[in-house]
Amino acid sequence: MPSPRAVISDFGGVLTTPLLASFAAFQNETGIPPEALGSAMQRIAEADGEHPLYELERGRVTEVAFLERLGAELTTDLGHEPELHRFSEIYFDALEPNEPMIELMRGLRARGLRMALLTNNVREWEPLWRSMMPVDEVFELVVDSAFVGMRKPEAEIYELTLARMRALDGAGDLVASDCLFVDDIEVNIDAARALGMTAVRFQTNDQAIDEIEAALLS
């Protein structure tokens, strides 16, 4: 198999510090136990037939509507309706750029690889996460779940990313096997591999950088 010609990277948890720190900060700030949060989400999923967070990431509900529904459901467990309006503020205050991985991605673009960012995100959060790094300097293409109505690990969002990469100058013959995919979530890695991509699951900077460089030399 030829060496990858393109890199498709996740954002949160790869180009940032771990997302668990942000969720922990939210729980500490609001006092909402993780069990209550999970239970409320599950009840909404059972009532609606889809997980509310997934619908938020697909851009089918607004952040305000998501938080209002979640707050109302949490009242069942907490005995009072919690204040959730500072969710994004708390979340991003606890999130930092992962500079070693950002610099790696910048270097890969300088080496001539085609670069795409594929993120499950929230429409209203775009200004917040884009302000954390020079996104357009590092990546030629951004595919944000909230603006395309689909999310990882759905095969369609990977296929859309490939199609949009092929529309870039000089990349018209790009196929899945030409791509190296980087993500911190196992199910997203599995989906990329199922489509024929090489994939590296981010766990630590040293591990991921070594595996990415090895994959590019294969």
N, C-alpha and C. Protein backbone atom coordinates (compact mmCIF):
# COMPACT_ATOMS: atom_id res chain seq x y z
N MET A 1 0.85 -1.20 0.00
CA MET A 1 0.00 0.00 0.00
C MET A 1 0.88 1.24 0.00
N PRO A 2 0.61 2.22 -0.87
CA PRO A 2 1.43 3.43 -0.92
C PRO A 2 1.26 4.27 0.34
N SER A 3 2.24 5.13 0.61
CA SER A 3 2.16 6.01 1.78
C SER A 3 0.98 6.97 1.64
N PRO A 4 0.35 7.35 2.77
CA PRO A 4 -0.77 8.30 2.69
C PRO A 4 -0.35 9.62 2.07
N ARG A 5 -1.27 10.20 1.30
CA ARG A 5 -1.06 11.51 0.68
C ARG A 5 -1.86 12.59 1.38
N ALA A 6 -2.78 12.19 2.26
CA ALA A 6 -3.66 13.14 2.92
C ALA A 6 -3.84 12.75 4.38
N VAL A 7 -4.06 13.75 5.22
CA VAL A 7 -4.32 13.54 6.64
C VAL A 7 -5.67 14.16 6.97
N ILE A 8 -6.51 13.39 7.65
CA ILE A 8 -7.79 13.87 8.15
C ILE A 8 -7.74 13.78 9.66
N SER A 9 -7.81 14.92 10.34
CA SER A 9 -7.66 14.94 11.80
C SER A 9 -8.93 15.38 12.49
N ASP A 10 -9.18 14.79 13.63
CA ASP A 10 -10.19 15.25 14.58
C ASP A 10 -9.70 16.55 15.22
N PHE A 11 -10.61 17.25 15.88
CA PHE A 11 -10.23 18.46 16.62
C PHE A 11 -10.15 18.19 18.13
N GLY A 12 -11.31 18.10 18.81
CA GLY A 12 -11.32 17.97 20.26
C GLY A 12 -10.73 16.66 20.73
N GLY A 13 -9.76 16.75 21.65
CA GLY A 13 -9.12 15.56 22.18
C GLY A 13 -7.89 15.15 21.41
N VAL A 14 -7.67 15.73 20.24
CA VAL A 14 -6.46 15.49 19.46
C VAL A 14 -5.65 16.78 19.35
N LEU A 15 -6.28 17.83 18.88
CA LEU A 15 -5.63 19.13 18.75
C LEU A 15 -5.89 20.01 19.98
N THR A 16 -6.61 19.43 20.95
CA THR A 16 -6.83 20.10 22.23
C THR A 16 -6.45 19.14 23.36
N THR A 17 -6.43 19.67 24.57
CA THR A 17 -6.31 18.81 25.74
C THR A 17 -7.54 17.90 25.83
N PRO A 18 -7.50 16.83 26.65
CA PRO A 18 -8.61 15.87 26.69
C PRO A 18 -9.95 16.51 27.03
N LEU A 19 -10.99 16.05 26.35
CA LEU A 19 -12.33 16.59 26.57
C LEU A 19 -12.89 16.24 27.95
N LEU A 20 -12.38 15.16 28.55
CA LEU A 20 -12.86 14.77 29.88
C LEU A 20 -12.65 15.88 30.89
N ALA A 21 -11.58 16.66 30.74
CA ALA A 21 -11.31 17.76 31.66
C ALA A 21 -12.41 18.81 31.58
N SER A 22 -12.92 19.05 30.37
CA SER A 22 -13.98 20.03 30.21
C SER A 22 -15.29 19.55 30.82
N PHE A 23 -15.61 18.27 30.62
CA PHE A 23 -16.83 17.74 31.22
C PHE A 23 -16.71 17.71 32.75
N ALA A 24 -15.50 17.41 33.25
CA ALA A 24 -15.29 17.42 34.70
C ALA A 24 -15.46 18.83 35.26
N ALA A 25 -14.96 19.83 34.53
CA ALA A 25 -15.11 21.22 34.97
C ALA A 25 -16.58 21.62 35.01
N PHE A 26 -17.34 21.17 34.01
CA PHE A 26 -18.77 21.47 33.98
C PHE A 26 -19.47 20.85 35.19
N GLN A 27 -19.14 19.60 35.48
CA GLN A 27 -19.76 18.92 36.62
C GLN A 27 -19.38 19.59 37.94
N ASN A 28 -18.10 20.02 38.07
CA ASN A 28 -17.66 20.69 39.29
C ASN A 28 -18.35 22.04 39.46
N GLU A 29 -18.51 22.77 38.36
CA GLU A 29 -19.11 24.10 38.41
C GLU A 29 -20.60 24.04 38.72
N THR A 30 -21.29 23.07 38.14
CA THR A 30 -22.75 23.01 38.30
C THR A 30 -23.19 22.10 39.44
N GLY A 31 -22.30 21.21 39.86
CA GLY A 31 -22.66 20.26 40.90
C GLY A 31 -23.54 19.13 40.41
N ILE A 32 -23.65 18.98 39.09
CA ILE A 32 -24.49 17.92 38.53
C ILE A 32 -23.68 16.63 38.47
N PRO A 33 -24.09 15.57 39.14
CA PRO A 33 -23.34 14.31 39.09
C PRO A 33 -23.37 13.72 37.68
N PRO A 34 -22.29 13.07 37.27
CA PRO A 34 -22.29 12.47 35.93
C PRO A 34 -23.39 11.44 35.73
N GLU A 35 -23.76 10.75 36.82
CA GLU A 35 -24.82 9.76 36.70
C GLU A 35 -26.15 10.42 36.36
N ALA A 36 -26.41 11.57 36.94
CA ALA A 36 -27.66 12.28 36.66
C ALA A 36 -27.67 12.79 35.22
N LEU A 37 -26.53 13.30 34.78
CA LEU A 37 -26.42 13.80 33.40
C LEU A 37 -26.66 12.67 32.41
N GLY A 38 -26.01 11.53 32.66
CA GLY A 38 -26.17 10.38 31.78
C GLY A 38 -27.59 9.85 31.77
N SER A 39 -28.22 9.80 32.93
CA SER A 39 -29.59 9.30 33.03
C SER A 39 -30.56 10.22 32.28
N ALA A 40 -30.37 11.53 32.42
CA ALA A 40 -31.25 12.48 31.72
C ALA A 40 -31.10 12.35 30.21
N MET A 41 -29.86 12.23 29.75
CA MET A 41 -29.61 12.07 28.31
C MET A 41 -30.27 10.80 27.79
N GLN A 42 -30.16 9.72 28.56
CA GLN A 42 -30.73 8.45 28.14
C GLN A 42 -32.25 8.51 28.04
N ARG A 43 -32.88 9.19 28.98
CA ARG A 43 -34.35 9.31 28.94
C ARG A 43 -34.79 10.11 27.72
N ILE A 44 -34.05 11.16 27.40
CA ILE A 44 -34.38 11.95 26.21
C ILE A 44 -34.20 11.10 24.96
N ALA A 45 -33.11 10.32 24.93
CA ALA A 45 -32.86 9.46 23.77
C ALA A 45 -33.98 8.45 23.59
N GLU A 46 -34.44 7.86 24.69
CA GLU A 46 -35.52 6.87 24.60
C GLU A 46 -36.83 7.52 24.16
N ALA A 47 -37.07 8.74 24.61
CA ALA A 47 -38.32 9.43 24.24
C ALA A 47 -38.31 9.89 22.78
N ASP A 48 -37.14 10.34 22.32
CA ASP A 48 -37.04 10.93 20.98
C ASP A 48 -36.54 9.96 19.92
N GLY A 49 -35.98 8.84 20.35
CA GLY A 49 -35.43 7.88 19.40
C GLY A 49 -34.03 8.20 18.92
N GLU A 50 -33.39 9.21 19.51
CA GLU A 50 -32.03 9.58 19.15
C GLU A 50 -31.40 10.32 20.31
N HIS A 51 -30.09 10.12 20.49
CA HIS A 51 -29.38 10.77 21.58
C HIS A 51 -29.38 12.28 21.36
N PRO A 52 -29.72 13.08 22.37
CA PRO A 52 -29.81 14.54 22.17
C PRO A 52 -28.48 15.18 21.79
N LEU A 53 -27.38 14.67 22.34
CA LEU A 53 -26.08 15.23 21.99
C LEU A 53 -25.75 15.00 20.52
N TYR A 54 -26.14 13.84 20.00
CA TYR A 54 -25.89 13.55 18.59
C TYR A 54 -26.69 14.50 17.69
N GLU A 55 -27.92 14.79 18.10
CA GLU A 55 -28.74 15.72 17.33
C GLU A 55 -28.16 17.14 17.38
N LEU A 56 -27.62 17.51 18.53
CA LEU A 56 -26.95 18.81 18.65
C LEU A 56 -25.75 18.86 17.71
N GLU A 57 -24.98 17.78 17.68
CA GLU A 57 -23.79 17.74 16.82
C GLU A 57 -24.14 17.67 15.33
N ARG A 58 -25.34 17.20 15.02
CA ARG A 58 -25.78 17.22 13.62
C ARG A 58 -26.40 18.56 13.23
N GLY A 59 -26.51 19.48 14.18
CA GLY A 59 -27.08 20.78 13.90
C GLY A 59 -28.58 20.78 13.76
N ARG A 60 -29.24 19.73 14.25
CA ARG A 60 -30.70 19.63 14.09
C ARG A 60 -31.45 20.31 15.23
N VAL A 61 -30.76 20.59 16.33
CA VAL A 61 -31.33 21.38 17.41
C VAL A 61 -30.32 22.46 17.77
N THR A 62 -30.79 23.57 18.29
CA THR A 62 -29.90 24.64 18.72
C THR A 62 -29.32 24.30 20.09
N GLU A 63 -28.24 24.98 20.43
CA GLU A 63 -27.66 24.79 21.76
C GLU A 63 -28.66 25.19 22.84
N VAL A 64 -29.39 26.29 22.61
CA VAL A 64 -30.37 26.75 23.60
C VAL A 64 -31.45 25.69 23.81
N ALA A 65 -31.98 25.13 22.72
CA ALA A 65 -33.04 24.12 22.84
C ALA A 65 -32.51 22.86 23.53
N PHE A 66 -31.28 22.47 23.20
CA PHE A 66 -30.66 21.31 23.83
C PHE A 66 -30.55 21.51 25.34
N LEU A 67 -30.06 22.67 25.76
CA LEU A 67 -29.85 22.92 27.19
C LEU A 67 -31.18 23.05 27.93
N GLU A 68 -32.18 23.64 27.28
CA GLU A 68 -33.50 23.75 27.92
C GLU A 68 -34.10 22.37 28.14
N ARG A 69 -34.00 21.51 27.13
CA ARG A 69 -34.56 20.15 27.27
C ARG A 69 -33.80 19.36 28.32
N LEU A 70 -32.49 19.48 28.30
CA LEU A 70 -31.68 18.76 29.28
C LEU A 70 -31.95 19.26 30.69
N GLY A 71 -32.05 20.57 30.85
CA GLY A 71 -32.33 21.12 32.17
C GLY A 71 -33.67 20.67 32.72
N ALA A 72 -34.67 20.64 31.86
CA ALA A 72 -35.99 20.18 32.31
C ALA A 72 -35.95 18.72 32.73
N GLU A 73 -35.21 17.90 31.99
CA GLU A 73 -35.11 16.47 32.31
C GLU A 73 -34.31 16.25 33.58
N LEU A 74 -33.27 17.05 33.80
CA LEU A 74 -32.45 16.91 35.00
C LEU A 74 -33.23 17.24 36.28
N THR A 75 -34.26 18.04 36.16
CA THR A 75 -35.07 18.39 37.32
C THR A 75 -35.63 17.15 38.00
N THR A 76 -35.90 16.13 37.21
CA THR A 76 -36.42 14.86 37.76
C THR A 76 -35.46 14.27 38.77
N ASP A 77 -34.16 14.33 38.47
CA ASP A 77 -33.15 13.73 39.35
C ASP A 77 -32.68 14.68 40.45
N LEU A 78 -32.61 15.97 40.14
CA LEU A 78 -32.01 16.92 41.07
C LEU A 78 -33.01 17.57 42.01
N GLY A 79 -34.29 17.56 41.63
CA GLY A 79 -35.29 18.22 42.46
C GLY A 79 -35.38 19.71 42.22
N HIS A 80 -34.56 20.22 41.33
CA HIS A 80 -34.63 21.62 40.92
C HIS A 80 -34.06 21.72 39.51
N GLU A 81 -34.44 22.76 38.78
CA GLU A 81 -33.95 22.92 37.42
C GLU A 81 -32.59 23.62 37.46
N PRO A 82 -31.54 22.98 36.96
CA PRO A 82 -30.20 23.55 37.06
C PRO A 82 -29.97 24.68 36.05
N GLU A 83 -28.99 25.51 36.35
CA GLU A 83 -28.58 26.56 35.43
C GLU A 83 -27.52 25.99 34.48
N LEU A 84 -27.84 25.91 33.20
CA LEU A 84 -26.93 25.32 32.23
C LEU A 84 -26.43 26.32 31.19
N HIS A 85 -26.84 27.59 31.31
CA HIS A 85 -26.56 28.53 30.24
C HIS A 85 -25.07 28.81 30.05
N ARG A 86 -24.24 28.49 31.06
CA ARG A 86 -22.80 28.74 30.94
C ARG A 86 -22.04 27.50 30.46
N PHE A 87 -22.75 26.54 29.90
CA PHE A 87 -22.12 25.28 29.50
C PHE A 87 -20.91 25.51 28.60
N SER A 88 -21.08 26.24 27.50
CA SER A 88 -19.96 26.41 26.56
C SER A 88 -18.82 27.20 27.18
N GLU A 89 -19.15 28.20 28.01
CA GLU A 89 -18.11 29.00 28.66
C GLU A 89 -17.25 28.13 29.56
N ILE A 90 -17.89 27.31 30.39
CA ILE A 90 -17.15 26.43 31.30
C ILE A 90 -16.34 25.41 30.50
N TYR A 91 -16.96 24.85 29.48
CA TYR A 91 -16.33 23.82 28.64
C TYR A 91 -15.04 24.34 28.02
N PHE A 92 -15.09 25.50 27.41
CA PHE A 92 -13.92 26.01 26.69
C PHE A 92 -12.89 26.63 27.62
N ASP A 93 -13.30 27.10 28.79
CA ASP A 93 -12.32 27.59 29.76
C ASP A 93 -11.38 26.49 30.21
N ALA A 94 -11.87 25.24 30.20
CA ALA A 94 -11.06 24.10 30.65
C ALA A 94 -10.29 23.44 29.51
N LEU A 95 -10.47 23.94 28.28
CA LEU A 95 -9.86 23.32 27.10
C LEU A 95 -8.69 24.17 26.63
N GLU A 96 -7.58 23.51 26.32
CA GLU A 96 -6.38 24.21 25.85
C GLU A 96 -5.92 23.61 24.52
N PRO A 97 -5.26 24.41 23.68
CA PRO A 97 -4.68 23.84 22.46
C PRO A 97 -3.60 22.82 22.79
N ASN A 98 -3.53 21.77 22.01
CA ASN A 98 -2.48 20.76 22.15
C ASN A 98 -1.38 21.12 21.15
N GLU A 99 -0.45 21.95 21.60
CA GLU A 99 0.53 22.54 20.68
C GLU A 99 1.39 21.53 19.94
N PRO A 100 1.87 20.43 20.58
CA PRO A 100 2.68 19.48 19.80
C PRO A 100 1.94 18.89 18.61
N MET A 101 0.65 18.59 18.78
CA MET A 101 -0.10 18.02 17.65
C MET A 101 -0.42 19.09 16.60
N ILE A 102 -0.69 20.29 17.05
CA ILE A 102 -0.94 21.38 16.09
C ILE A 102 0.31 21.62 15.25
N GLU A 103 1.46 21.62 15.89
CA GLU A 103 2.71 21.84 15.15
C GLU A 103 3.00 20.68 14.20
N LEU A 104 2.66 19.47 14.62
CA LEU A 104 2.83 18.32 13.72
C LEU A 104 1.97 18.52 12.47
N MET A 105 0.71 18.88 12.66
CA MET A 105 -0.19 19.06 11.52
C MET A 105 0.30 20.19 10.62
N ARG A 106 0.79 21.26 11.21
CA ARG A 106 1.33 22.35 10.42
C ARG A 106 2.52 21.88 9.58
N GLY A 107 3.37 21.06 10.21
CA GLY A 107 4.53 20.53 9.50
C GLY A 107 4.14 19.58 8.37
N LEU A 108 3.08 18.80 8.58
CA LEU A 108 2.64 17.87 7.53
C LEU A 108 2.13 18.64 6.31
N ARG A 109 1.44 19.74 6.56
CA ARG A 109 1.00 20.54 5.41
C ARG A 109 2.21 21.12 4.67
N ALA A 110 3.21 21.55 5.43
CA ALA A 110 4.41 22.10 4.80
C ALA A 110 5.15 21.04 3.98
N ARG A 111 4.98 19.78 4.37
CA ARG A 111 5.62 18.68 3.63
C ARG A 111 4.81 18.26 2.40
N GLY A 112 3.68 18.91 2.17
CA GLY A 112 2.92 18.68 0.95
C GLY A 112 1.75 17.75 1.08
N LEU A 113 1.41 17.29 2.30
CA LEU A 113 0.23 16.44 2.46
C LEU A 113 -1.04 17.29 2.37
N ARG A 114 -2.09 16.70 1.83
CA ARG A 114 -3.39 17.36 1.81
C ARG A 114 -4.00 17.23 3.20
N MET A 115 -4.54 18.32 3.73
CA MET A 115 -4.93 18.36 5.13
C MET A 115 -6.41 18.73 5.30
N ALA A 116 -7.13 17.89 6.07
CA ALA A 116 -8.54 18.15 6.36
C ALA A 116 -8.80 17.98 7.85
N LEU A 117 -9.72 18.78 8.36
CA LEU A 117 -10.18 18.67 9.73
C LEU A 117 -11.61 18.16 9.70
N LEU A 118 -11.88 17.08 10.44
CA LEU A 118 -13.21 16.48 10.50
C LEU A 118 -13.63 16.42 11.96
N THR A 119 -14.61 17.22 12.33
CA THR A 119 -14.97 17.37 13.74
C THR A 119 -16.46 17.18 13.98
N ASN A 120 -16.79 16.46 15.05
CA ASN A 120 -18.14 16.47 15.60
C ASN A 120 -18.21 17.68 16.53
N ASN A 121 -19.08 18.64 16.20
CA ASN A 121 -19.06 19.88 16.96
C ASN A 121 -20.45 20.48 17.06
N VAL A 122 -20.53 21.66 17.61
CA VAL A 122 -21.79 22.36 17.84
C VAL A 122 -21.76 23.65 17.03
N ARG A 123 -22.83 23.91 16.30
CA ARG A 123 -22.85 25.06 15.39
C ARG A 123 -22.47 26.36 16.10
N GLU A 124 -23.06 26.59 17.27
CA GLU A 124 -22.82 27.84 17.99
C GLU A 124 -21.41 27.94 18.55
N TRP A 125 -20.69 26.82 18.58
CA TRP A 125 -19.34 26.82 19.15
C TRP A 125 -18.25 27.13 18.13
N GLU A 126 -18.60 27.27 16.86
CA GLU A 126 -17.57 27.43 15.85
C GLU A 126 -16.60 28.59 16.14
N PRO A 127 -17.07 29.78 16.52
CA PRO A 127 -16.12 30.85 16.81
C PRO A 127 -15.19 30.52 17.98
N LEU A 128 -15.69 29.74 18.95
CA LEU A 128 -14.90 29.41 20.13
C LEU A 128 -13.76 28.45 19.78
N TRP A 129 -14.07 27.37 19.05
CA TRP A 129 -12.99 26.41 18.78
C TRP A 129 -12.04 26.91 17.70
N ARG A 130 -12.56 27.67 16.75
CA ARG A 130 -11.67 28.21 15.72
C ARG A 130 -10.66 29.21 16.30
N SER A 131 -11.03 29.87 17.38
CA SER A 131 -10.13 30.85 17.99
C SER A 131 -8.97 30.20 18.73
N MET A 132 -9.01 28.88 18.92
CA MET A 132 -7.98 28.19 19.68
C MET A 132 -6.73 27.87 18.87
N MET A 133 -6.83 27.91 17.54
CA MET A 133 -5.68 27.58 16.70
C MET A 133 -5.88 28.17 15.32
N PRO A 134 -4.80 28.29 14.53
CA PRO A 134 -4.93 28.84 13.17
C PRO A 134 -5.46 27.78 12.21
N VAL A 135 -6.75 27.52 12.30
CA VAL A 135 -7.36 26.40 11.58
C VAL A 135 -7.08 26.46 10.09
N ASP A 136 -7.34 27.60 9.47
CA ASP A 136 -7.23 27.69 8.01
C ASP A 136 -5.78 27.76 7.53
N GLU A 137 -4.87 28.04 8.43
CA GLU A 137 -3.44 28.00 8.09
C GLU A 137 -2.94 26.57 8.01
N VAL A 138 -3.52 25.71 8.82
CA VAL A 138 -3.07 24.32 8.91
C VAL A 138 -3.87 23.40 7.99
N PHE A 139 -5.17 23.66 7.85
CA PHE A 139 -6.05 22.75 7.11
C PHE A 139 -6.63 23.43 5.88
N GLU A 140 -6.63 22.69 4.78
CA GLU A 140 -7.25 23.18 3.54
C GLU A 140 -8.77 23.08 3.59
N LEU A 141 -9.26 22.15 4.38
CA LEU A 141 -10.68 21.82 4.38
C LEU A 141 -11.14 21.57 5.81
N VAL A 142 -12.31 22.07 6.16
CA VAL A 142 -12.94 21.79 7.45
C VAL A 142 -14.33 21.21 7.19
N VAL A 143 -14.61 20.05 7.78
CA VAL A 143 -15.95 19.46 7.74
C VAL A 143 -16.43 19.37 9.18
N ASP A 144 -17.45 20.16 9.48
CA ASP A 144 -18.01 20.27 10.83
C ASP A 144 -19.39 19.60 10.83
N SER A 145 -19.57 18.62 11.69
CA SER A 145 -20.81 17.85 11.72
C SER A 145 -22.05 18.73 11.80
N ALA A 146 -21.96 19.81 12.58
CA ALA A 146 -23.13 20.64 12.82
C ALA A 146 -23.59 21.39 11.59
N PHE A 147 -22.73 21.50 10.57
CA PHE A 147 -23.08 22.22 9.35
C PHE A 147 -23.40 21.28 8.19
N VAL A 148 -23.18 19.98 8.37
CA VAL A 148 -23.44 19.04 7.28
C VAL A 148 -24.51 18.02 7.63
N GLY A 149 -25.03 18.05 8.87
CA GLY A 149 -26.15 17.20 9.24
C GLY A 149 -25.82 15.74 9.43
N MET A 150 -24.57 15.42 9.66
CA MET A 150 -24.14 14.05 9.93
C MET A 150 -22.92 14.10 10.84
N ARG A 151 -22.58 12.97 11.47
CA ARG A 151 -21.50 12.98 12.44
C ARG A 151 -20.73 11.67 12.38
N LYS A 152 -19.48 11.73 12.84
CA LYS A 152 -18.72 10.49 13.02
C LYS A 152 -19.41 9.66 14.09
N PRO A 153 -19.49 8.35 13.97
CA PRO A 153 -18.81 7.49 13.00
C PRO A 153 -19.65 7.12 11.77
N GLU A 154 -20.63 7.93 11.39
CA GLU A 154 -21.44 7.62 10.22
C GLU A 154 -20.55 7.65 8.96
N ALA A 155 -20.64 6.62 8.15
CA ALA A 155 -19.80 6.52 6.96
C ALA A 155 -19.97 7.73 6.04
N GLU A 156 -21.18 8.28 6.01
CA GLU A 156 -21.47 9.37 5.08
C GLU A 156 -20.60 10.60 5.30
N ILE A 157 -20.22 10.87 6.56
CA ILE A 157 -19.43 12.08 6.80
C ILE A 157 -17.98 11.89 6.36
N TYR A 158 -17.49 10.66 6.42
CA TYR A 158 -16.16 10.36 5.90
C TYR A 158 -16.19 10.47 4.37
N GLU A 159 -17.23 9.93 3.78
CA GLU A 159 -17.35 9.98 2.32
C GLU A 159 -17.49 11.43 1.82
N LEU A 160 -18.24 12.25 2.57
CA LEU A 160 -18.36 13.66 2.22
C LEU A 160 -17.00 14.35 2.30
N THR A 161 -16.25 14.04 3.34
CA THR A 161 -14.92 14.64 3.49
C THR A 161 -14.04 14.28 2.31
N LEU A 162 -14.06 13.01 1.91
CA LEU A 162 -13.28 12.58 0.74
C LEU A 162 -13.72 13.31 -0.52
N ALA A 163 -15.02 13.43 -0.71
CA ALA A 163 -15.54 14.11 -1.90
C ALA A 163 -15.10 15.57 -1.93
N ARG A 164 -15.14 16.22 -0.78
CA ARG A 164 -14.72 17.62 -0.74
C ARG A 164 -13.21 17.77 -0.91
N MET A 165 -12.46 16.79 -0.42
CA MET A 165 -11.02 16.83 -0.65
C MET A 165 -10.69 16.66 -2.13
N ARG A 166 -11.44 15.79 -2.80
CA ARG A 166 -11.20 15.57 -4.23
C ARG A 166 -11.50 16.83 -5.05
N ALA A 167 -12.32 17.72 -4.50
CA ALA A 167 -12.64 18.96 -5.20
C ALA A 167 -11.52 20.00 -5.07
N LEU A 168 -10.55 19.75 -4.18
CA LEU A 168 -9.43 20.67 -4.04
C LEU A 168 -8.50 20.54 -5.25
N ASP A 169 -7.81 21.59 -5.58
CA ASP A 169 -6.88 21.57 -6.71
C ASP A 169 -5.84 20.46 -6.54
N GLY A 170 -5.71 19.62 -7.55
CA GLY A 170 -4.69 18.59 -7.55
C GLY A 170 -4.99 17.36 -6.74
N ALA A 171 -6.21 17.24 -6.21
CA ALA A 171 -6.55 16.09 -5.36
C ALA A 171 -7.69 15.28 -5.94
N GLY A 172 -7.96 15.41 -7.21
CA GLY A 172 -9.12 14.79 -7.82
C GLY A 172 -9.13 13.28 -7.83
N ASP A 173 -7.95 12.65 -7.69
CA ASP A 173 -7.89 11.19 -7.71
C ASP A 173 -7.77 10.58 -6.32
N LEU A 174 -7.96 11.38 -5.28
CA LEU A 174 -7.78 10.91 -3.91
C LEU A 174 -8.84 9.87 -3.56
N VAL A 175 -8.40 8.76 -2.95
CA VAL A 175 -9.31 7.71 -2.48
C VAL A 175 -9.04 7.45 -1.00
N ALA A 176 -9.91 6.65 -0.38
CA ALA A 176 -9.81 6.41 1.06
C ALA A 176 -8.45 5.86 1.46
N SER A 177 -7.90 4.97 0.66
CA SER A 177 -6.62 4.35 1.01
C SER A 177 -5.45 5.33 0.95
N ASP A 178 -5.67 6.52 0.39
CA ASP A 178 -4.64 7.56 0.37
C ASP A 178 -4.62 8.37 1.66
N CYS A 179 -5.58 8.11 2.56
CA CYS A 179 -5.78 8.99 3.71
C CYS A 179 -5.35 8.35 5.03
N LEU A 180 -4.76 9.18 5.88
CA LEU A 180 -4.45 8.82 7.26
C LEU A 180 -5.41 9.60 8.16
N PHE A 181 -6.18 8.88 8.95
CA PHE A 181 -7.18 9.47 9.82
C PHE A 181 -6.71 9.42 11.27
N VAL A 182 -6.88 10.53 12.00
CA VAL A 182 -6.43 10.62 13.39
C VAL A 182 -7.60 11.06 14.26
N ASP A 183 -7.89 10.29 15.30
CA ASP A 183 -9.01 10.58 16.19
C ASP A 183 -8.71 9.96 17.55
N ASP A 184 -9.40 10.42 18.58
CA ASP A 184 -9.19 9.85 19.92
C ASP A 184 -10.28 8.88 20.32
N ILE A 185 -11.28 8.67 19.46
CA ILE A 185 -12.41 7.81 19.79
C ILE A 185 -12.34 6.53 18.96
N GLU A 186 -12.37 5.39 19.63
CA GLU A 186 -12.16 4.11 18.97
C GLU A 186 -13.19 3.84 17.87
N VAL A 187 -14.47 4.14 18.14
CA VAL A 187 -15.50 3.84 17.14
C VAL A 187 -15.30 4.68 15.88
N ASN A 188 -14.77 5.88 16.01
CA ASN A 188 -14.48 6.70 14.84
C ASN A 188 -13.31 6.14 14.05
N ILE A 189 -12.33 5.61 14.76
CA ILE A 189 -11.19 4.95 14.12
C ILE A 189 -11.66 3.72 13.35
N ASP A 190 -12.53 2.92 13.97
CA ASP A 190 -13.03 1.71 13.31
C ASP A 190 -13.77 2.05 12.02
N ALA A 191 -14.56 3.13 12.05
CA ALA A 191 -15.32 3.52 10.86
C ALA A 191 -14.39 3.94 9.73
N ALA A 192 -13.32 4.66 10.06
CA ALA A 192 -12.36 5.08 9.04
C ALA A 192 -11.67 3.87 8.42
N ARG A 193 -11.28 2.93 9.25
CA ARG A 193 -10.60 1.72 8.74
C ARG A 193 -11.55 0.91 7.86
N ALA A 194 -12.82 0.87 8.23
CA ALA A 194 -13.79 0.11 7.44
C ALA A 194 -13.92 0.67 6.02
N LEU A 195 -13.64 1.95 5.86
CA LEU A 195 -13.70 2.58 4.55
C LEU A 195 -12.38 2.47 3.78
N GLY A 196 -11.36 1.92 4.43
CA GLY A 196 -10.08 1.72 3.76
C GLY A 196 -9.00 2.70 4.12
N MET A 197 -9.26 3.58 5.10
CA MET A 197 -8.24 4.53 5.52
C MET A 197 -7.27 3.89 6.50
N THR A 198 -6.04 4.37 6.51
CA THR A 198 -5.12 4.09 7.60
C THR A 198 -5.56 4.98 8.76
N ALA A 199 -5.47 4.46 9.99
CA ALA A 199 -5.98 5.25 11.12
C ALA A 199 -5.07 5.12 12.33
N VAL A 200 -4.92 6.23 13.05
CA VAL A 200 -4.16 6.26 14.29
C VAL A 200 -5.07 6.80 15.38
N ARG A 201 -5.21 6.03 16.45
CA ARG A 201 -5.99 6.51 17.58
C ARG A 201 -5.09 7.30 18.51
N PHE A 202 -5.42 8.57 18.72
CA PHE A 202 -4.65 9.41 19.63
C PHE A 202 -4.89 9.00 21.07
N GLN A 203 -3.79 8.76 21.80
CA GLN A 203 -3.86 8.51 23.24
C GLN A 203 -2.93 9.46 23.99
N THR A 204 -1.69 9.59 23.50
CA THR A 204 -0.74 10.56 24.04
C THR A 204 -0.03 11.21 22.86
N ASN A 205 0.60 12.33 23.11
CA ASN A 205 1.31 13.01 22.03
C ASN A 205 2.43 12.14 21.47
N ASP A 206 3.27 11.60 22.34
CA ASP A 206 4.41 10.80 21.86
C ASP A 206 3.94 9.59 21.06
N GLN A 207 2.95 8.89 21.59
CA GLN A 207 2.43 7.70 20.89
C GLN A 207 1.86 8.06 19.53
N ALA A 208 1.02 9.10 19.50
CA ALA A 208 0.35 9.45 18.25
C ALA A 208 1.34 9.98 17.22
N ILE A 209 2.26 10.83 17.64
CA ILE A 209 3.23 11.38 16.70
C ILE A 209 4.09 10.27 16.10
N ASP A 210 4.55 9.34 16.94
CA ASP A 210 5.36 8.21 16.44
C ASP A 210 4.56 7.37 15.44
N GLU A 211 3.29 7.08 15.77
CA GLU A 211 2.49 6.23 14.88
C GLU A 211 2.14 6.96 13.57
N ILE A 212 1.89 8.24 13.66
CA ILE A 212 1.60 9.01 12.44
C ILE A 212 2.82 9.04 11.54
N GLU A 213 3.98 9.34 12.09
CA GLU A 213 5.20 9.39 11.27
C GLU A 213 5.50 8.01 10.67
N ALA A 214 5.29 6.95 11.44
CA ALA A 214 5.54 5.61 10.93
C ALA A 214 4.57 5.29 9.79
N ALA A 215 3.31 5.68 9.94
CA ALA A 215 2.32 5.41 8.88
C ALA A 215 2.66 6.17 7.61
N LEU A 216 3.19 7.37 7.75
CA LEU A 216 3.52 8.17 6.57
C LEU A 216 4.76 7.67 5.84
N LEU A 217 5.56 6.87 6.54
CA LEU A 217 6.76 6.30 5.94
C LEU A 217 6.54 4.90 5.39
N SER A 218 5.36 4.33 5.65
CA SER A 218 5.09 2.94 5.26
C SER A 218 5.02 2.77 3.76
